[in-house]
Protein backbone atom coordinates (compact mmCIF):
# COMPACT_ATOMS: atom_id res chain seq x y z
CA MET A 1 -87.87 44.87 29.04
CA LEU A 2 -84.97 44.66 26.61
CA ASP A 3 -85.76 43.88 22.99
CA THR A 4 -83.72 40.76 22.35
CA ASP A 5 -85.36 39.66 19.12
CA THR A 6 -82.76 37.56 17.31
CA LYS A 7 -83.79 38.53 13.78
CA ARG A 8 -80.89 40.06 11.90
CA PRO A 9 -81.34 43.47 10.32
CA PRO A 10 -81.92 43.28 6.53
CA ASP A 11 -79.02 45.61 5.76
CA GLY A 12 -76.26 43.74 7.52
CA ARG A 13 -74.97 41.06 9.84
CA ARG A 14 -73.81 41.62 13.39
CA VAL A 15 -70.16 41.54 14.38
CA VAL A 16 -68.85 42.21 17.90
CA ILE A 17 -65.16 42.88 18.58
CA SER A 18 -63.45 43.18 21.96
CA THR A 19 -60.71 45.83 22.23
CA PRO A 20 -59.09 45.24 25.65
CA GLY A 21 -56.52 47.98 25.11
CA GLU A 22 -59.35 50.44 25.81
CA ALA A 23 -61.94 48.19 27.53
CA VAL A 24 -64.53 48.63 24.77
CA LEU A 25 -66.84 46.35 22.80
CA VAL A 26 -67.25 47.39 19.18
CA LEU A 27 -70.53 46.60 17.44
CA CYS A 28 -70.39 46.49 13.64
CA GLU A 29 -72.53 45.44 10.72
CA LEU A 30 -71.17 43.48 7.79
CA ASP A 31 -72.77 44.04 4.39
CA PRO A 32 -73.37 40.49 3.09
CA SER A 33 -73.11 41.57 -0.53
CA THR A 34 -69.81 43.48 -0.33
CA GLY A 35 -68.19 42.30 2.88
CA GLU A 36 -67.80 45.88 4.09
CA LEU A 37 -67.66 46.38 7.87
CA VAL A 38 -69.43 49.45 9.26
CA LEU A 39 -69.00 50.60 12.86
CA VAL A 40 -72.38 50.91 14.62
CA ASP A 41 -71.60 51.47 18.31
CA ARG A 42 -68.80 51.43 20.86
CA GLN A 43 -69.79 50.13 24.31
CA PRO A 44 -67.30 50.69 27.18
CA LEU A 45 -67.18 47.95 29.81
CA PRO A 46 -68.92 49.47 32.86
CA GLY A 47 -66.61 50.46 35.68
CA VAL A 48 -63.42 49.30 33.97
CA VAL A 49 -60.41 51.62 33.98
CA GLY A 50 -57.33 50.97 31.85
CA GLY A 51 -56.63 48.03 29.58
CA CYS A 52 -55.43 44.43 29.65
CA GLY A 53 -54.40 41.58 27.34
CA GLY A 54 -56.67 39.62 24.97
CA VAL A 55 -60.22 39.45 26.31
CA PRO A 56 -62.28 36.38 25.32
CA MET A 57 -65.98 36.45 24.47
CA ALA A 58 -68.68 33.82 24.00
CA ALA A 59 -72.22 34.00 22.63
CA SER A 60 -75.36 32.06 23.41
CA GLU A 61 -76.47 29.68 20.67
CA ASP A 62 -79.28 32.02 19.56
CA GLY A 63 -77.04 35.09 19.57
CA ARG A 64 -79.14 36.99 22.12
CA TRP A 65 -76.46 37.21 24.81
CA ILE A 66 -72.71 37.84 24.86
CA TYR A 67 -70.27 37.11 27.70
CA VAL A 68 -66.98 38.95 28.16
CA ALA A 69 -64.21 37.82 30.54
CA TRP A 70 -62.20 40.88 31.60
CA ARG A 71 -58.60 39.87 32.36
CA GLY A 72 -57.53 42.95 34.28
CA GLU A 73 -57.90 43.14 38.07
CA PRO A 74 -60.44 42.76 39.46
CA TYR A 75 -61.31 39.86 37.15
CA ARG A 76 -64.91 40.16 35.99
CA LEU A 77 -67.45 38.44 33.78
CA PHE A 78 -69.81 40.79 31.93
CA SER A 79 -73.14 39.77 30.40
CA PHE A 80 -74.62 41.74 27.48
CA ALA A 81 -77.86 41.54 25.52
CA VAL A 82 -77.88 42.35 21.80
CA ASP A 83 -80.90 44.51 21.06
CA GLY A 84 -83.36 43.65 18.29
CA ASN A 85 -82.13 46.33 15.90
CA ALA A 86 -78.47 45.35 16.36
CA ARG A 87 -77.71 48.94 17.23
CA ARG A 88 -76.65 48.59 20.86
CA LEU A 89 -75.23 46.20 23.43
CA ASN A 90 -77.00 46.41 26.79
CA CYS A 91 -75.07 45.35 29.90
CA LEU A 92 -77.14 42.95 32.01
CA GLY A 93 -74.69 42.63 34.87
CA GLN A 94 -71.29 41.47 36.02
CA ALA A 95 -69.84 38.80 38.29
CA SER A 96 -66.42 37.93 39.64
CA LEU A 97 -63.97 35.44 38.16
CA PRO A 98 -61.25 33.57 40.06
CA ALA A 99 -58.38 34.37 37.67
CA SER A 100 -57.42 35.97 34.36
CA MET A 101 -59.51 33.87 31.96
CA CYS A 102 -58.25 33.38 28.40
CA TYR A 103 -61.18 31.41 26.95
CA ALA A 104 -64.95 31.23 27.43
CA MET A 105 -67.66 28.90 26.10
CA VAL A 106 -71.40 28.48 26.63
CA SER A 107 -72.38 24.88 27.30
CA SER A 108 -74.73 23.09 24.93
CA CYS A 109 -77.51 23.24 27.52
CA GLY A 110 -77.24 27.04 27.45
CA ARG A 111 -77.30 27.36 31.24
CA ARG A 112 -73.59 27.24 32.07
CA LEU A 113 -70.59 29.33 31.04
CA LEU A 114 -67.17 27.67 31.26
CA THR A 115 -64.02 29.80 31.43
CA SER A 116 -60.37 28.79 31.60
CA SER A 117 -57.21 30.46 32.85
CA TYR A 118 -53.74 29.80 31.46
CA THR A 119 -51.94 31.86 34.10
CA GLY A 120 -54.18 30.71 36.95
CA SER A 121 -54.37 27.04 35.87
CA THR A 122 -58.10 27.06 36.57
CA ILE A 123 -61.42 26.20 34.96
CA ALA A 124 -64.58 27.82 36.33
CA ILE A 125 -68.28 27.13 35.79
CA SER A 126 -70.72 30.05 36.07
CA PRO A 127 -74.54 29.75 35.95
CA ILE A 128 -76.60 31.56 33.29
CA GLY A 129 -80.01 32.78 34.45
CA ASP A 130 -83.29 32.90 32.56
CA ASP A 131 -82.58 36.53 31.64
CA GLY A 132 -79.17 35.63 30.17
CA THR A 133 -77.09 37.01 33.04
CA ALA A 134 -74.09 34.95 34.13
CA GLY A 135 -73.61 34.72 37.89
CA GLU A 136 -70.81 34.06 40.34
CA PRO A 137 -68.80 30.85 39.71
CA ILE A 138 -70.32 27.78 41.30
CA MET A 139 -67.37 25.48 40.63
CA THR A 140 -63.62 25.85 40.04
CA ARG A 141 -61.18 23.09 39.14
CA ASP A 142 -57.40 23.03 38.93
CA ALA A 143 -56.35 22.66 35.28
CA MET A 144 -52.67 23.11 34.46
CA HIS A 145 -52.21 26.08 32.08
CA ALA A 146 -55.69 25.53 30.61
CA HIS A 147 -56.31 27.46 27.42
CA CYS A 148 -59.06 26.47 24.96
CA LEU A 149 -62.25 24.76 26.16
CA VAL A 150 -64.55 22.95 23.70
CA GLU A 151 -67.66 20.87 24.26
CA ALA A 152 -67.50 18.31 21.47
CA PRO A 153 -70.51 16.70 19.72
CA ASN A 154 -70.05 13.66 21.99
CA GLY A 155 -70.87 15.85 25.02
CA LEU A 156 -67.37 15.67 26.47
CA VAL A 157 -65.32 18.77 27.21
CA TYR A 158 -61.74 19.01 25.90
CA ALA A 159 -59.22 21.48 27.33
CA THR A 160 -55.81 22.27 25.86
CA SER A 161 -52.87 22.83 28.23
CA LEU A 162 -50.63 25.40 26.58
CA ARG A 163 -47.56 24.79 28.75
CA GLY A 164 -48.54 21.33 29.92
CA ASP A 165 -48.35 19.95 26.36
CA CYS A 166 -51.49 17.88 26.56
CA VAL A 167 -55.22 17.83 25.83
CA GLN A 168 -57.37 16.84 28.80
CA THR A 169 -60.77 15.20 28.34
CA TYR A 170 -63.55 15.77 30.90
CA ARG A 171 -67.02 14.44 31.48
CA PHE A 172 -69.23 17.49 32.03
CA ASP A 173 -72.32 17.25 34.25
CA ALA A 174 -74.22 20.56 34.09
CA GLY A 175 -76.71 19.43 36.74
CA ARG A 176 -73.99 18.69 39.28
CA ASN A 177 -71.70 21.46 38.01
CA ASP A 178 -68.89 18.99 37.73
CA LEU A 179 -65.97 18.31 35.38
CA SER A 180 -64.54 14.82 35.84
CA PRO A 181 -61.17 14.02 34.19
CA LEU A 182 -61.39 11.05 31.83
CA ALA A 183 -58.30 10.89 29.63
CA ARG A 184 -55.25 12.85 28.55
CA LEU A 185 -53.46 13.07 25.21
CA ASP A 186 -49.81 14.09 25.40
CA VAL A 187 -48.26 16.03 22.51
CA PRO A 188 -44.60 16.91 21.79
CA ALA A 189 -42.91 18.79 24.62
CA GLY A 190 -42.73 22.53 24.08
CA SER A 191 -45.26 22.52 21.21
CA GLY A 192 -47.86 24.56 23.10
CA PRO A 193 -51.30 23.11 22.23
CA ARG A 194 -53.54 26.19 22.05
CA HIS A 195 -56.84 25.66 20.19
CA ILE A 196 -58.84 22.58 19.22
CA VAL A 197 -61.87 22.24 16.92
CA PHE A 198 -64.14 19.28 16.15
CA THR A 199 -66.04 18.30 13.03
CA ALA A 200 -69.83 18.43 13.29
CA ASP A 201 -70.11 14.64 13.40
CA GLY A 202 -67.47 14.48 16.14
CA SER A 203 -65.34 11.91 14.36
CA ARG A 204 -62.28 14.14 13.98
CA ALA A 205 -60.58 17.07 15.65
CA TYR A 206 -57.79 19.45 14.70
CA LEU A 207 -55.28 20.90 17.14
CA LEU A 208 -53.22 24.08 16.67
CA SER A 209 -49.93 24.28 18.60
CA GLU A 210 -48.76 27.83 19.24
CA PHE A 211 -45.00 27.41 19.73
CA ALA A 212 -44.39 24.61 17.22
CA GLY A 213 -46.69 26.22 14.65
CA THR A 214 -48.25 22.86 13.76
CA LEU A 215 -51.68 21.53 12.87
CA THR A 216 -52.49 18.03 14.11
CA ARG A 217 -55.34 15.83 12.83
CA LEU A 218 -56.90 13.69 15.54
CA ASP A 219 -59.33 10.80 15.37
CA VAL A 220 -61.99 10.68 18.08
CA ASP A 221 -62.93 7.26 19.45
CA PRO A 222 -66.73 6.94 19.01
CA HIS A 223 -67.13 5.01 22.27
CA THR A 224 -64.68 6.59 24.72
CA GLY A 225 -64.00 10.01 23.16
CA ALA A 226 -60.26 9.34 23.34
CA LEU A 227 -58.05 11.25 20.87
CA ALA A 228 -55.48 9.62 18.59
CA ILE A 229 -52.90 11.49 16.48
CA ARG A 230 -53.10 10.76 12.76
CA GLU A 231 -51.27 13.58 10.95
CA ARG A 232 -49.21 16.69 11.69
CA VAL A 233 -48.21 19.53 9.35
CA ALA A 234 -46.14 22.67 9.97
CA LEU A 235 -47.37 26.13 9.03
CA LEU A 236 -43.87 27.56 8.53
CA PRO A 237 -40.66 26.21 6.98
CA GLU A 238 -38.39 24.29 9.31
CA GLY A 239 -36.32 26.56 11.51
CA GLU A 240 -38.70 29.53 11.45
CA LYS A 241 -40.10 30.60 14.81
CA ALA A 242 -43.88 30.29 15.05
CA TRP A 243 -46.52 32.13 17.09
CA ALA A 244 -49.76 30.47 16.01
CA SER A 245 -53.06 31.72 17.37
CA GLU A 246 -56.56 30.89 16.10
CA LEU A 247 -58.03 27.80 14.45
CA ARG A 248 -61.40 27.36 12.73
CA LEU A 249 -63.10 24.90 10.40
CA GLY A 250 -64.73 26.52 7.37
CA PRO A 251 -68.54 26.46 7.37
CA ASP A 252 -68.69 23.50 4.97
CA GLU A 253 -65.83 21.73 6.83
CA HIS A 254 -63.88 21.31 3.61
CA VAL A 255 -61.23 23.85 4.60
CA LEU A 256 -59.28 24.43 7.83
CA TYR A 257 -57.97 27.92 8.62
CA ALA A 258 -55.23 28.93 11.07
CA SER A 259 -53.71 32.30 11.96
CA GLU A 260 -49.99 32.81 12.52
CA ARG A 261 -48.88 35.98 14.32
CA GLN A 262 -45.12 35.85 13.70
CA THR A 263 -45.62 36.22 9.93
CA SER A 264 -49.12 37.79 10.08
CA GLN A 265 -50.74 35.27 7.77
CA ILE A 266 -53.92 33.17 7.55
CA PHE A 267 -53.24 29.63 6.31
CA ALA A 268 -55.88 27.59 4.48
CA TYR A 269 -55.81 23.78 4.16
CA ARG A 270 -58.10 21.68 1.99
CA LEU A 271 -59.35 18.60 3.87
CA GLY A 272 -59.44 15.26 2.10
CA PRO A 273 -61.94 12.37 2.49
CA SER A 274 -60.26 11.20 5.70
CA GLY A 275 -59.54 14.72 6.90
CA GLU A 276 -55.98 14.83 5.60
CA MET A 277 -54.62 18.37 5.20
CA GLN A 278 -53.35 19.86 1.93
CA LEU A 279 -52.13 23.46 1.83
CA ILE A 280 -54.18 25.82 -0.35
CA GLY A 281 -52.11 28.88 0.47
CA ALA A 282 -51.44 31.67 2.97
CA GLU A 283 -52.97 35.15 2.80
CA PRO A 284 -51.44 38.31 4.35
CA ALA A 285 -53.38 39.38 7.45
CA PRO A 286 -53.46 42.48 9.66
CA GLU A 287 -50.41 42.69 11.91
CA CYS A 288 -50.54 40.01 14.63
CA PRO A 289 -53.80 38.21 13.67
CA ARG A 290 -54.84 36.97 17.10
CA ALA A 291 -58.45 36.06 16.26
CA PHE A 292 -60.87 35.58 13.36
CA ASP A 293 -64.39 34.36 12.72
CA PHE A 294 -66.84 33.78 9.85
CA ASP A 295 -69.99 35.78 9.28
CA ALA A 296 -73.34 34.02 9.63
CA SER A 297 -73.53 33.27 5.90
CA GLY A 298 -70.12 31.59 5.86
CA ARG A 299 -69.08 33.69 2.86
CA HIS A 300 -66.83 36.12 4.71
CA MET A 301 -64.06 35.95 7.31
CA ILE A 302 -63.29 38.79 9.74
CA VAL A 303 -59.66 38.89 10.92
CA LEU A 304 -58.31 41.09 13.74
CA GLY A 305 -54.81 42.58 13.84
CA GLU A 306 -53.98 42.93 17.51
CA LYS A 307 -50.98 45.21 16.89
CA SER A 308 -52.46 47.21 14.00
CA GLY A 309 -55.90 47.70 15.58
CA GLU A 310 -57.45 46.68 12.26
CA ALA A 311 -60.39 44.44 11.41
CA ARG A 312 -60.10 43.10 7.88
CA THR A 313 -62.80 41.24 5.96
CA TYR A 314 -62.06 38.54 3.37
CA ARG A 315 -64.41 36.95 0.87
CA ILE A 316 -64.08 33.16 0.92
CA GLN A 317 -63.64 31.85 -2.62
CA PRO A 318 -65.18 28.53 -3.75
CA ASP A 319 -61.80 26.81 -3.43
CA GLY A 320 -61.33 28.14 0.12
CA ALA A 321 -58.84 30.86 -0.78
CA LEU A 322 -59.29 34.34 0.74
CA ASP A 323 -59.76 37.68 -1.02
CA ALA A 324 -59.44 40.83 1.13
CA VAL A 325 -62.38 43.19 0.54
CA SER A 326 -62.69 45.61 3.49
CA ARG A 327 -60.74 47.25 6.33
CA LEU A 328 -61.87 49.01 9.50
CA HIS A 329 -59.95 50.47 12.44
CA ALA A 330 -61.52 48.62 15.36
CA GLY A 331 -59.61 50.14 18.28
CA ALA A 332 -56.76 49.33 20.65
CA GLN A 333 -55.60 45.69 20.65
CA PRO A 334 -58.63 43.93 19.13
CA SER A 335 -58.39 40.37 20.38
CA TRP A 336 -61.70 38.53 19.92
CA VAL A 337 -64.47 38.64 17.33
CA LEU A 338 -67.96 37.09 17.31
CA ALA A 339 -69.82 36.94 14.01
CA ALA A 340 -71.03 33.44 13.11
CA ALA A 341 -73.22 33.16 16.21
CA LEU A 342 -74.81 36.58 15.79
């Protein structure tokens, strides 16, 4: 039996990085006192030859299991267990996927994995067994250019449509394996809604639009879950072309962070009493910062440079500003990082 004890090692915190350019998962430890990243193991994806574009990952709530959606043909979903000493990732199995999936999330019940495909305009639901292995999809639904999938605190699932310029709301029934469309929020044409995050109380959400390079504050109706636009700010000066990527709320929800690939920067916004956004500043990031995450303590941020192959760690200052403290060459085209859940 695999040792899947979820206790973290005393000398570091787990970080897993996907490098789809070489079909490898990189296991690291982050020193909580210095922020230094140390490479522990490199785990090739079994049976995969060649590379592909950005590969999404998702972790179970307890950090025992990791799911990887391979976007090269044939499309596959890998399940991994993190061993008790955080020194190895053990492949539990693999299953097929209906398309090239760009996002993955584990449902709040822990028994379903939802994946979405921008190019295939599809959302799929896969079962998760008692041993943590994800199986063959048991439901697929048409979803125009679906990108990010989030199960909000209200239990509803929200999916961004990158080229459809909308956010679709679904009622998710894990027992029936069903996603039922409820409502749709349209956003400016051509803006490219990419990622959405919700506050812990579910009262607000923030939307990052890739092509417009904007952040939008949304109110969430407490009864229906409907979204309403309240504020929009631009990351870059007017006229500059944007290529925004990742969006995350800081651990204390006082600061909102967004990555911008065209200028290779991480933007930080202080959030006011009603969630209004005020720019703190922008910090240089590794070239083409596709993804980032916080460590489990919330004191460090790990940022990936997809073009540079670099993973860079920043210490989060009390005011939300970032201070670069460590660099590590992660591999070819690092595109996804899991740290907070591990």
